[in-house]
Amino acid sequence: MHNEARMATKRGRVLVVDDEANARNALAEILELEGYDVATAADGFKALGKFDDFAPDLVLTDLKMPGMDGIELLGKVRAQDTEIPVVVMTAFGAVETAIAAMRQGASEYLTKPLNTDELLLVLERALERRRLRRETQELRSRVEERYRFDNIIGTSPGMQQVFKSIVQVAPSRATVLLSGESGTGKELVAAAIHQRSPRGRGPFVKLHCAALAENLLESELFGHERGAYTGAERRREGRFELANGGTLFLDEIGEIAPSVQVKLLRVLQEREFERVGGNQTIRVDVRVIAATHRDLRELVARGQFREDLYYRLHVIEVRMPALRERASDIPLLAAHFLRHFAEENGKAVASFSDEALERLVRHPWPGNVRELENVVERAVVLAEGAVVEAAHLPPNLSATGGAGAPQIPGATMAEIEKYAILKTLEAQGGSTSRAADVLGISVRKVQYKLLEYGAAPRSQVPVVDPETAPRSSKPS
């Protein structure tokens, strides 16, 4: 019982290395009385032999020893573990040797004969620094574990809601619609949903719908038979077949042509289709996750998107917040990209200057996370030292937060309101309903303010709220 109580009060494990037996034993006795767990070694070779079993938290070594001296031992220790503090002891007249040891990574040095109070203070200080480093690393790991979700990073309320949605929808078979501006990370969310679903071991197939012409998109989705069109020299499976048993991610779903919309609706309803140029019905088990930066409700109202397809896709919607809506995440994201690109480029860039970080936080980021990633990569490439300075950032990242922004203080509330409405409307692709959602005001107020600003002719600003306007009939 006494031993257990004594072990509970241990302040750390210290390995004492000294070729003089009397000095070695005296140090061990002093440190044990102070609550340290102590092991001793007569030279560097014996000290290294005790590393695995004793696992010291600190090494206290004399510099002048036969065989392997303190400098060589320091190098061996540093090669094994760069975090272990090494305190060196030297005779009063050999301080230069101790300074050389400091240059090679020693934490502190003490001159002989040792002062007991100074010895204990130096050891306590070195071990405290080690504890702080460990706690910082553990805290960083916990933060990254909590706020990093399959490479999706964020502490803001908007991103926490995204994480919650991923966990909730992943186990189901429901179709998911990911909405939000380009560059907000919709593909990462789609991948996270797939990986956490029962289909996680199945294929995750992606298709960017806006990148293909109508006939090519149909062939990519459903495949084609040999001879279906000029150049179709052999049968080809489409993305739905390739994704069978897994997930198909359709990016920019709002760009697909009406004829393809009809066929996509059939697959979602009946889970079957025919290849282009074929008549064999193919059944598939595929979960669809779609993404768009456009307001599908407005496209439905204009007759540009099938209402029935919209509701098939809109079983569950996950909205990705724009980066300017979660400015608190910018330092965390920037640090993540900094570590990534520093490692990728073999550079020792470790942080941002205060001015550089301020400019990153103040920038409106129209290109969202993708733009931030590109900016940080550029900065890492241009950085000459360990710190990214403001000069390494693109010129458009001014300290004022973007061209045309009202200067605060100095602007009237009306000027600030006008800037907020017009910039939000621009960011939402002209969608008054989406802009109203972001700003937390009514659609009608946005419309009246546009009239006031002369930003749109009266004939182009509807008096009714598009959210409550009657839906168009289903396109044929």
Protein backbone atom coordinates (compact mmCIF):
# COMPACT_ATOMS: atom_id res chain seq x y z
CA MET A 1 0.00 0.00 0.00
CA HIS A 2 2.86 2.30 0.91
CA ASN A 3 4.56 1.60 -2.44
CA GLU A 4 1.34 2.29 -4.36
CA ALA A 5 0.91 5.64 -2.60
CA ARG A 6 4.54 6.49 -3.33
CA MET A 7 4.19 5.60 -7.02
CA ALA A 8 1.10 7.83 -7.27
CA THR A 9 3.20 10.84 -6.23
CA LYS A 10 5.99 10.25 -8.75
CA ARG A 11 6.82 13.43 -10.64
CA GLY A 12 8.45 11.76 -13.63
CA ARG A 13 11.14 9.26 -14.63
CA VAL A 14 14.69 10.61 -14.72
CA LEU A 15 17.68 8.71 -16.12
CA VAL A 16 20.91 9.90 -14.45
CA VAL A 17 24.09 9.26 -16.47
CA ASP A 18 27.47 9.91 -14.83
CA ASP A 19 30.69 7.89 -14.74
CA GLU A 20 31.42 8.97 -11.16
CA ALA A 21 29.60 6.54 -8.89
CA ASN A 22 29.41 8.87 -5.87
CA ALA A 23 27.93 11.75 -7.92
CA ARG A 24 25.54 9.37 -9.67
CA ASN A 25 24.25 7.85 -6.43
CA ALA A 26 23.96 11.23 -4.69
CA LEU A 27 21.86 12.62 -7.54
CA ALA A 28 19.64 9.54 -7.50
CA GLU A 29 19.05 9.91 -3.75
CA ILE A 30 18.19 13.63 -4.02
CA LEU A 31 15.76 13.09 -6.89
CA GLU A 32 14.06 10.09 -5.26
CA LEU A 33 13.48 12.12 -2.10
CA GLU A 34 11.82 14.76 -4.28
CA GLY A 35 9.40 12.17 -5.70
CA TYR A 36 11.12 11.28 -8.97
CA ASP A 37 11.46 7.72 -10.27
CA VAL A 38 15.19 7.35 -10.98
CA ALA A 39 17.40 4.98 -12.93
CA THR A 40 21.18 5.36 -13.26
CA ALA A 41 23.83 4.49 -15.82
CA ALA A 42 27.63 4.75 -15.72
CA ASP A 43 28.04 5.73 -19.38
CA GLY A 44 26.17 6.47 -22.59
CA PHE A 45 26.07 2.85 -23.78
CA LYS A 46 24.46 1.63 -20.53
CA ALA A 47 22.04 4.57 -20.63
CA LEU A 48 20.77 3.61 -24.09
CA GLY A 49 20.34 0.04 -22.89
CA LYS A 50 17.86 1.21 -20.25
CA PHE A 51 15.68 3.26 -22.59
CA ASP A 52 13.21 0.54 -23.58
CA ASP A 53 12.59 -0.79 -20.07
CA PHE A 54 12.72 2.46 -18.10
CA ALA A 55 11.26 4.85 -20.73
CA PRO A 56 12.63 8.04 -19.14
CA ASP A 57 10.78 11.35 -19.23
CA LEU A 58 14.10 13.22 -18.89
CA VAL A 59 17.81 12.42 -19.22
CA LEU A 60 20.31 14.11 -16.86
CA THR A 61 23.82 13.41 -18.17
CA ASP A 62 27.39 14.45 -17.56
CA LEU A 63 29.19 15.65 -20.69
CA LYS A 64 32.68 14.26 -20.05
CA MET A 65 32.54 10.45 -19.83
CA PRO A 66 34.74 7.63 -21.18
CA GLY A 67 33.45 5.67 -24.18
CA MET A 68 30.30 7.50 -25.28
CA ASP A 69 30.36 11.05 -23.92
CA GLY A 70 27.34 13.27 -23.21
CA ILE A 71 27.37 14.94 -26.65
CA GLU A 72 27.25 11.58 -28.45
CA LEU A 73 24.56 10.33 -26.07
CA LEU A 74 22.53 13.46 -26.77
CA GLY A 75 22.65 12.70 -30.50
CA LYS A 76 21.55 9.09 -29.92
CA VAL A 77 18.67 10.20 -27.68
CA ARG A 78 17.54 12.80 -30.19
CA ALA A 79 17.59 10.17 -32.95
CA GLN A 80 15.22 8.00 -30.90
CA ASP A 81 12.87 10.68 -29.55
CA THR A 82 13.08 14.41 -30.24
CA GLU A 83 10.66 15.18 -27.40
CA ILE A 84 12.68 13.84 -24.43
CA PRO A 85 14.38 16.73 -22.61
CA VAL A 86 18.12 16.24 -22.04
CA VAL A 87 19.81 18.28 -19.31
CA VAL A 88 23.61 18.26 -19.44
CA MET A 89 26.10 18.74 -16.59
CA THR A 90 29.58 20.11 -17.06
CA ALA A 91 32.51 21.42 -15.05
CA PHE A 92 32.56 25.17 -14.45
CA GLY A 93 35.42 25.71 -16.84
CA ALA A 94 33.79 23.81 -19.74
CA VAL A 95 30.72 25.99 -20.33
CA GLU A 96 31.51 26.25 -24.05
CA THR A 97 31.00 22.49 -24.37
CA ALA A 98 27.61 22.83 -22.68
CA ILE A 99 26.64 25.61 -25.07
CA ALA A 100 27.59 23.36 -27.98
CA ALA A 101 25.32 20.69 -26.51
CA MET A 102 22.49 23.24 -26.33
CA ARG A 103 22.95 23.94 -30.03
CA GLN A 104 22.54 20.21 -30.70
CA GLY A 105 19.27 20.00 -28.81
CA ALA A 106 19.99 19.89 -25.08
CA SER A 107 17.20 21.49 -23.03
CA GLU A 108 19.33 23.05 -20.26
CA TYR A 109 22.82 22.86 -18.79
CA LEU A 110 24.10 22.88 -15.22
CA THR A 111 27.61 23.55 -13.98
CA LYS A 112 29.35 21.43 -11.36
CA PRO A 113 29.37 21.42 -8.42
CA LEU A 114 25.59 21.37 -8.68
CA ASN A 115 23.30 23.59 -6.67
CA THR A 116 20.43 21.38 -5.48
CA ASP A 117 17.77 24.10 -5.71
CA GLU A 118 18.88 25.04 -9.23
CA LEU A 119 18.95 21.35 -10.23
CA LEU A 120 15.39 20.76 -9.07
CA LEU A 121 14.15 23.97 -10.70
CA VAL A 122 15.74 23.11 -14.06
CA LEU A 123 14.34 19.57 -14.02
CA GLU A 124 10.85 20.77 -13.06
CA ARG A 125 10.92 23.41 -15.80
CA ALA A 126 12.08 20.95 -18.48
CA LEU A 127 9.47 18.33 -17.51
CA GLU A 128 6.72 20.97 -17.40
CA ARG A 129 7.58 22.01 -20.97
CA ARG A 130 7.37 18.35 -22.00
CA ARG A 131 3.99 17.98 -20.31
CA LEU A 132 2.70 21.12 -22.01
CA ARG A 133 3.85 19.85 -25.42
CA ARG A 134 2.10 16.54 -24.82
CA GLU A 135 -1.10 18.24 -23.65
CA THR A 136 -1.04 20.54 -26.68
CA GLN A 137 -0.61 17.57 -29.02
CA GLU A 138 -3.41 15.66 -27.29
CA LEU A 139 -5.67 18.71 -27.40
CA ARG A 140 -4.94 19.22 -31.09
CA SER A 141 -5.70 15.56 -31.74
CA ARG A 142 -9.00 15.80 -29.85
CA VAL A 143 -9.95 18.99 -31.68
CA GLU A 144 -9.11 17.45 -35.05
CA GLU A 145 -11.01 14.27 -34.15
CA ARG A 146 -14.04 16.28 -33.05
CA TYR A 147 -14.09 18.77 -35.89
CA ARG A 148 -12.64 16.74 -38.74
CA PHE A 149 -15.13 14.50 -40.45
CA ASP A 150 -13.59 12.64 -43.38
CA ASN A 151 -11.50 15.71 -44.23
CA ILE A 152 -14.49 18.02 -43.70
CA ILE A 153 -13.33 20.59 -41.18
CA GLY A 154 -15.35 23.09 -39.16
CA THR A 155 -16.32 24.20 -35.67
CA SER A 156 -19.05 26.64 -36.72
CA PRO A 157 -22.73 25.91 -36.00
CA GLY A 158 -23.41 25.52 -39.73
CA MET A 159 -20.77 22.82 -40.12
CA GLN A 160 -21.79 21.06 -36.93
CA GLN A 161 -25.27 20.79 -38.43
CA VAL A 162 -23.73 19.29 -41.58
CA PHE A 163 -21.86 16.71 -39.47
CA LYS A 164 -25.08 15.89 -37.62
CA SER A 165 -26.93 15.46 -40.91
CA ILE A 166 -24.26 13.09 -42.25
CA VAL A 167 -24.59 10.86 -39.19
CA GLN A 168 -28.39 10.91 -39.41
CA VAL A 169 -28.82 10.22 -43.13
CA ALA A 170 -25.91 7.85 -43.78
CA PRO A 171 -27.58 4.65 -42.51
CA SER A 172 -30.71 5.17 -44.64
CA ARG A 173 -31.37 4.52 -48.34
CA ALA A 174 -32.90 7.98 -48.83
CA THR A 175 -31.85 10.17 -51.73
CA VAL A 176 -29.93 13.24 -50.53
CA LEU A 177 -29.74 16.66 -52.16
CA LEU A 178 -26.65 18.69 -51.29
CA SER A 179 -27.16 22.39 -51.92
CA GLY A 180 -24.75 25.27 -51.65
CA GLU A 181 -22.32 27.35 -53.63
CA SER A 182 -19.51 25.88 -55.70
CA GLY A 183 -16.41 25.05 -53.70
CA THR A 184 -18.16 24.42 -50.37
CA GLY A 185 -17.24 20.72 -50.18
CA LYS A 186 -20.37 18.95 -51.41
CA GLU A 187 -18.41 16.06 -52.91
CA LEU A 188 -16.63 15.47 -49.58
CA VAL A 189 -19.99 15.31 -47.81
CA ALA A 190 -21.33 12.86 -50.40
CA ALA A 191 -18.28 10.65 -49.87
CA ALA A 192 -18.71 10.84 -46.08
CA ILE A 193 -22.36 9.78 -46.33
CA HIS A 194 -21.37 6.85 -48.54
CA GLN A 195 -18.51 5.72 -46.30
CA ARG A 196 -20.72 5.73 -43.20
CA SER A 197 -23.58 3.92 -44.90
CA PRO A 198 -24.19 0.17 -45.19
CA ARG A 199 -22.99 0.64 -48.79
CA GLY A 200 -19.60 1.88 -47.62
CA ARG A 201 -17.80 -1.17 -49.05
CA GLY A 202 -19.56 -0.77 -52.38
CA PRO A 203 -18.52 1.59 -55.20
CA PHE A 204 -18.71 5.37 -54.91
CA VAL A 205 -19.18 6.66 -58.46
CA LYS A 206 -19.10 10.36 -59.40
CA LEU A 207 -20.40 12.25 -62.41
CA HIS A 208 -20.25 15.99 -63.08
CA CYS A 209 -23.44 16.58 -65.05
CA ALA A 210 -22.62 20.12 -66.24
CA ALA A 211 -19.46 18.97 -68.02
CA LEU A 212 -21.25 16.84 -70.64
CA ALA A 213 -23.53 17.49 -73.59
CA GLU A 214 -27.03 15.98 -73.45
CA ASN A 215 -26.35 12.88 -75.56
CA LEU A 216 -23.04 12.18 -73.82
CA LEU A 217 -24.60 12.63 -70.37
CA GLU A 218 -27.31 10.08 -71.18
CA SER A 219 -24.68 7.60 -72.32
CA GLU A 220 -22.54 8.23 -69.23
CA LEU A 221 -25.50 7.66 -66.92
CA PHE A 222 -27.14 4.65 -68.56
CA GLY A 223 -24.45 3.22 -70.86
CA HIS A 224 -24.93 2.33 -74.52
CA GLU A 225 -25.05 -0.66 -76.82
CA ARG A 226 -22.68 -1.23 -79.69
CA GLY A 227 -23.74 0.86 -82.68
CA ALA A 228 -26.08 3.07 -80.64
CA TYR A 229 -24.50 6.10 -82.30
CA THR A 230 -21.52 6.94 -84.47
CA GLY A 231 -18.36 5.91 -82.65
CA ALA A 232 -20.08 3.46 -80.29
CA GLU A 233 -17.93 0.48 -81.30
CA ARG A 234 -18.69 -1.65 -78.25
CA ARG A 235 -21.15 -1.95 -75.40
CA ARG A 236 -20.41 0.30 -72.47
CA GLU A 237 -21.79 0.22 -68.95
CA GLY A 238 -23.05 3.51 -67.55
CA ARG A 239 -22.49 5.06 -64.14
CA PHE A 240 -25.67 3.51 -62.71
CA GLU A 241 -24.43 0.01 -63.52
CA LEU A 242 -20.96 0.81 -62.19
CA ALA A 243 -22.49 2.11 -58.94
CA ASN A 244 -24.73 -0.95 -58.40
CA GLY A 245 -24.66 -1.84 -54.70
CA GLY A 246 -23.12 1.53 -53.85
CA THR A 247 -23.66 5.25 -54.29
CA LEU A 248 -23.86 7.49 -57.36
CA PHE A 249 -22.96 11.14 -56.80
CA LEU A 250 -24.46 13.45 -59.43
CA ASP A 251 -22.84 16.88 -59.21
CA GLU A 252 -24.60 19.94 -60.68
CA ILE A 253 -27.89 18.09 -61.13
CA GLY A 254 -29.61 21.37 -62.03
CA GLU A 255 -27.85 21.45 -65.39
CA ILE A 256 -29.29 18.26 -66.92
CA ALA A 257 -31.58 18.49 -69.96
CA PRO A 258 -35.34 17.72 -69.72
CA SER A 259 -35.01 14.50 -71.72
CA VAL A 260 -32.42 13.15 -69.29
CA GLN A 261 -34.52 14.31 -66.34
CA VAL A 262 -37.35 12.00 -67.47
CA LYS A 263 -35.05 8.96 -67.57
CA LEU A 264 -33.42 9.85 -64.28
CA LEU A 265 -36.84 10.09 -62.64
CA ARG A 266 -37.69 6.59 -63.85
CA VAL A 267 -34.51 5.14 -62.32
CA LEU A 268 -35.24 6.81 -58.99
CA GLN A 269 -38.84 5.53 -59.02
CA GLU A 270 -38.45 2.05 -60.47
CA ARG A 271 -34.70 1.34 -60.16
CA GLU A 272 -34.49 0.24 -63.77
CA PHE A 273 -33.46 1.60 -67.18
CA GLU A 274 -32.29 0.62 -70.66
CA ARG A 275 -28.93 1.45 -72.18
CA VAL A 276 -28.89 3.92 -75.06
CA GLY A 277 -29.70 1.99 -78.23
CA GLY A 278 -30.84 -1.10 -76.29
CA ASN A 279 -34.10 -2.67 -75.17
CA GLN A 280 -32.91 -4.87 -72.30
CA THR A 281 -34.22 -3.60 -68.95
CA ILE A 282 -31.47 -3.40 -66.34
CA ARG A 283 -32.30 -3.29 -62.64
CA VAL A 284 -29.92 -1.66 -60.19
CA ASP A 285 -29.65 -1.00 -56.46
CA VAL A 286 -28.07 2.44 -56.28
CA ARG A 287 -28.35 5.26 -53.78
CA VAL A 288 -28.28 8.67 -55.44
CA ILE A 289 -26.75 11.74 -53.85
CA ALA A 290 -27.21 14.86 -55.97
CA ALA A 291 -25.63 18.28 -55.62
CA THR A 292 -26.36 21.71 -57.03
CA HIS A 293 -25.32 25.32 -56.57
CA ARG A 294 -28.58 26.49 -58.16
CA ASP A 295 -31.98 27.01 -56.53
CA LEU A 296 -33.96 24.04 -57.88
CA ARG A 297 -37.20 25.52 -56.55
CA GLU A 298 -36.78 28.53 -58.81
CA LEU A 299 -35.88 26.28 -61.75
CA VAL A 300 -39.11 24.36 -61.11
CA ALA A 301 -41.08 27.63 -61.03
CA ARG A 302 -39.55 28.61 -64.39
CA GLY A 303 -40.35 25.23 -65.93
CA GLN A 304 -36.68 24.34 -66.32
CA PHE A 305 -36.66 21.43 -63.89
CA ARG A 306 -39.26 18.72 -63.35
CA GLU A 307 -41.21 19.20 -60.16
CA ASP A 308 -41.64 15.45 -59.64
CA LEU A 309 -37.90 14.90 -60.07
CA TYR A 310 -37.20 17.73 -57.64
CA TYR A 311 -39.27 16.04 -54.94
CA ARG A 312 -37.63 12.67 -55.66
CA LEU A 313 -34.22 14.26 -55.14
CA HIS A 314 -35.30 16.45 -52.26
CA VAL A 315 -36.09 13.64 -49.80
CA ILE A 316 -33.38 15.02 -47.51
CA GLU A 317 -31.55 18.28 -48.16
CA VAL A 318 -28.20 19.12 -46.61
CA ARG A 319 -27.19 22.73 -47.15
CA MET A 320 -23.47 23.50 -47.25
CA PRO A 321 -22.78 26.95 -45.77
CA ALA A 322 -20.63 29.35 -47.76
CA LEU A 323 -17.21 30.04 -46.26
CA ARG A 324 -18.10 33.68 -45.52
CA GLU A 325 -21.00 32.36 -43.39
CA ARG A 326 -18.55 30.44 -41.19
CA ALA A 327 -15.59 32.78 -40.92
CA SER A 328 -14.66 31.20 -37.57
CA ASP A 329 -13.61 28.07 -39.51
CA ILE A 330 -11.13 29.93 -41.73
CA PRO A 331 -8.10 29.71 -39.35
CA LEU A 332 -8.71 25.98 -38.81
CA LEU A 333 -9.05 25.30 -42.55
CA ALA A 334 -6.06 27.49 -43.39
CA ALA A 335 -3.89 25.65 -40.84
CA HIS A 336 -5.01 22.30 -42.27
CA PHE A 337 -4.11 23.32 -45.83
CA LEU A 338 -0.84 24.85 -44.61
CA ARG A 339 0.29 21.57 -43.04
CA HIS A 340 -0.78 19.62 -46.12
CA PHE A 341 0.99 21.80 -48.69
CA ALA A 342 4.08 22.31 -46.54
CA GLU A 343 4.50 18.54 -46.37
CA GLU A 344 3.68 18.11 -50.06
CA ASN A 345 6.26 20.72 -51.09
CA GLY A 346 8.89 19.71 -48.53
CA LYS A 347 8.89 23.15 -46.89
CA ALA A 348 9.17 24.08 -43.20
CA VAL A 349 6.28 26.56 -43.33
CA ALA A 350 4.52 26.36 -39.97
CA SER A 351 2.23 29.34 -39.44
CA PHE A 352 0.65 32.57 -40.69
CA SER A 353 1.59 36.06 -39.58
CA ASP A 354 -1.14 37.99 -37.75
CA GLU A 355 -1.66 40.26 -40.76
CA ALA A 356 -1.89 37.34 -43.19
CA LEU A 357 -4.39 35.51 -41.01
CA GLU A 358 -6.47 38.68 -40.60
CA ARG A 359 -6.66 39.07 -44.38
CA LEU A 360 -7.73 35.46 -44.77
CA VAL A 361 -10.51 35.91 -42.22
CA ARG A 362 -11.75 39.19 -43.71
CA HIS A 363 -11.83 38.05 -47.33
CA PRO A 364 -15.38 37.25 -48.64
CA TRP A 365 -14.22 34.03 -50.42
CA PRO A 366 -16.54 33.89 -53.43
CA GLY A 367 -14.83 30.63 -54.40
CA ASN A 368 -15.32 29.24 -50.89
CA VAL A 369 -13.10 26.47 -49.46
CA ARG A 370 -11.67 25.61 -52.87
CA GLU A 371 -10.46 29.20 -53.28
CA LEU A 372 -8.94 29.20 -49.78
CA GLU A 373 -7.12 25.94 -50.55
CA ASN A 374 -5.61 27.43 -53.72
CA VAL A 375 -4.58 30.63 -51.91
CA VAL A 376 -2.82 28.68 -49.13
CA GLU A 377 -1.04 26.45 -51.66
CA ARG A 378 0.23 29.55 -53.48
CA ALA A 379 1.35 31.13 -50.19
CA VAL A 380 3.29 28.00 -49.14
CA VAL A 381 5.09 27.89 -52.49
CA LEU A 382 6.05 31.59 -52.24
CA ALA A 383 6.96 31.60 -48.54
CA GLU A 384 10.70 31.84 -47.92
CA GLY A 385 10.72 31.10 -44.19
CA ALA A 386 8.58 29.38 -41.59
CA VAL A 387 5.84 32.02 -41.64
CA VAL A 388 3.36 32.96 -44.39
CA GLU A 389 3.34 36.75 -44.60
CA ALA A 390 0.66 39.02 -46.08
CA ALA A 391 2.95 39.61 -49.09
CA HIS A 392 2.62 35.92 -50.00
CA LEU A 393 -1.16 36.25 -50.44
CA PRO A 394 -2.83 37.35 -53.69
CA PRO A 395 -3.26 41.14 -54.08
CA ASN A 396 -7.07 40.82 -54.06
CA LEU A 397 -6.92 39.73 -50.41
CA SER A 398 -6.75 43.32 -49.19
CA ALA A 399 -6.99 44.24 -45.54
CA THR A 400 -10.32 46.01 -46.13
CA GLY A 401 -12.32 42.89 -46.92
CA GLY A 402 -12.96 43.29 -50.64
CA ALA A 403 -13.58 45.99 -53.21
CA GLY A 404 -16.69 48.05 -52.67
CA ALA A 405 -17.04 47.11 -49.01
CA PRO A 406 -18.20 50.02 -46.81
CA GLN A 407 -15.58 51.26 -44.37
CA ILE A 408 -16.58 50.52 -40.78
CA PRO A 409 -16.60 52.83 -38.86
CA GLY A 410 -17.64 55.60 -41.24
CA ALA A 411 -20.51 53.95 -43.16
CA THR A 412 -24.20 54.52 -42.51
CA MET A 413 -26.48 51.62 -41.62
CA ALA A 414 -28.20 52.05 -44.98
CA GLU A 415 -24.89 51.66 -46.83
CA ILE A 416 -24.01 48.55 -44.82
CA GLU A 417 -27.48 47.08 -45.43
CA LYS A 418 -27.24 47.75 -49.17
CA TYR A 419 -23.82 46.14 -49.42
CA ALA A 420 -24.99 43.09 -47.44
CA ILE A 421 -28.10 42.56 -49.58
CA LEU A 422 -26.41 43.03 -52.96
CA LYS A 423 -23.37 40.89 -52.08
CA THR A 424 -25.52 38.11 -50.62
CA LEU A 425 -27.80 38.18 -53.69
CA GLU A 426 -24.75 37.97 -55.96
CA ALA A 427 -23.35 35.06 -53.94
CA GLN A 428 -26.67 33.21 -54.15
CA GLY A 429 -26.76 33.45 -57.96
CA GLY A 430 -29.51 36.09 -57.98
CA SER A 431 -31.92 33.95 -55.93
CA THR A 432 -33.98 36.33 -53.79
CA SER A 433 -35.41 33.48 -51.71
CA ARG A 434 -31.97 32.06 -50.92
CA ALA A 435 -30.59 35.53 -50.18
CA ALA A 436 -33.51 36.16 -47.83
CA ASP A 437 -32.78 32.88 -46.02
CA VAL A 438 -29.12 33.81 -45.54
CA LEU A 439 -29.92 37.36 -44.38
CA GLY A 440 -32.79 36.31 -42.13
CA ILE A 441 -35.31 38.68 -43.72
CA SER A 442 -38.37 38.23 -45.93
CA VAL A 443 -38.19 37.74 -49.69
CA ARG A 444 -40.48 40.74 -50.14
CA LYS A 445 -38.06 42.99 -48.26
CA VAL A 446 -35.21 41.89 -50.54
CA GLN A 447 -37.39 42.65 -53.58
CA TYR A 448 -38.39 46.10 -52.36
CA LYS A 449 -34.79 46.96 -51.51
CA LEU A 450 -33.72 45.97 -55.03
CA LEU A 451 -36.29 48.37 -56.40
CA GLU A 452 -35.01 51.05 -54.06
CA TYR A 453 -31.42 50.48 -55.18
CA GLY A 454 -32.44 50.41 -58.85
CA ALA A 455 -30.81 46.98 -59.07
CA ALA A 456 -33.69 45.49 -61.09
CA PRO A 457 -36.55 46.87 -63.20
CA ARG A 458 -39.94 46.74 -61.45
CA SER A 459 -41.26 44.39 -64.14
CA GLN A 460 -38.60 41.83 -63.20
CA VAL A 461 -39.29 41.89 -59.47
CA PRO A 462 -42.37 39.83 -58.59
CA VAL A 463 -44.58 41.13 -55.83
CA VAL A 464 -45.42 37.61 -54.63
CA ASP A 465 -43.05 35.49 -52.56
CA PRO A 466 -41.63 32.68 -54.76
CA GLU A 467 -41.67 30.39 -51.71
CA THR A 468 -45.48 30.52 -51.59
CA ALA A 469 -46.19 31.01 -55.29
CA PRO A 470 -48.18 28.26 -57.08
CA ARG A 471 -46.00 25.59 -58.64
CA SER A 472 -45.95 25.07 -62.37
CA SER A 473 -47.51 21.96 -63.77
CA LYS A 474 -45.28 18.99 -64.43
CA PRO A 475 -43.37 19.26 -67.68
CA SER A 476 -44.01 16.47 -70.06
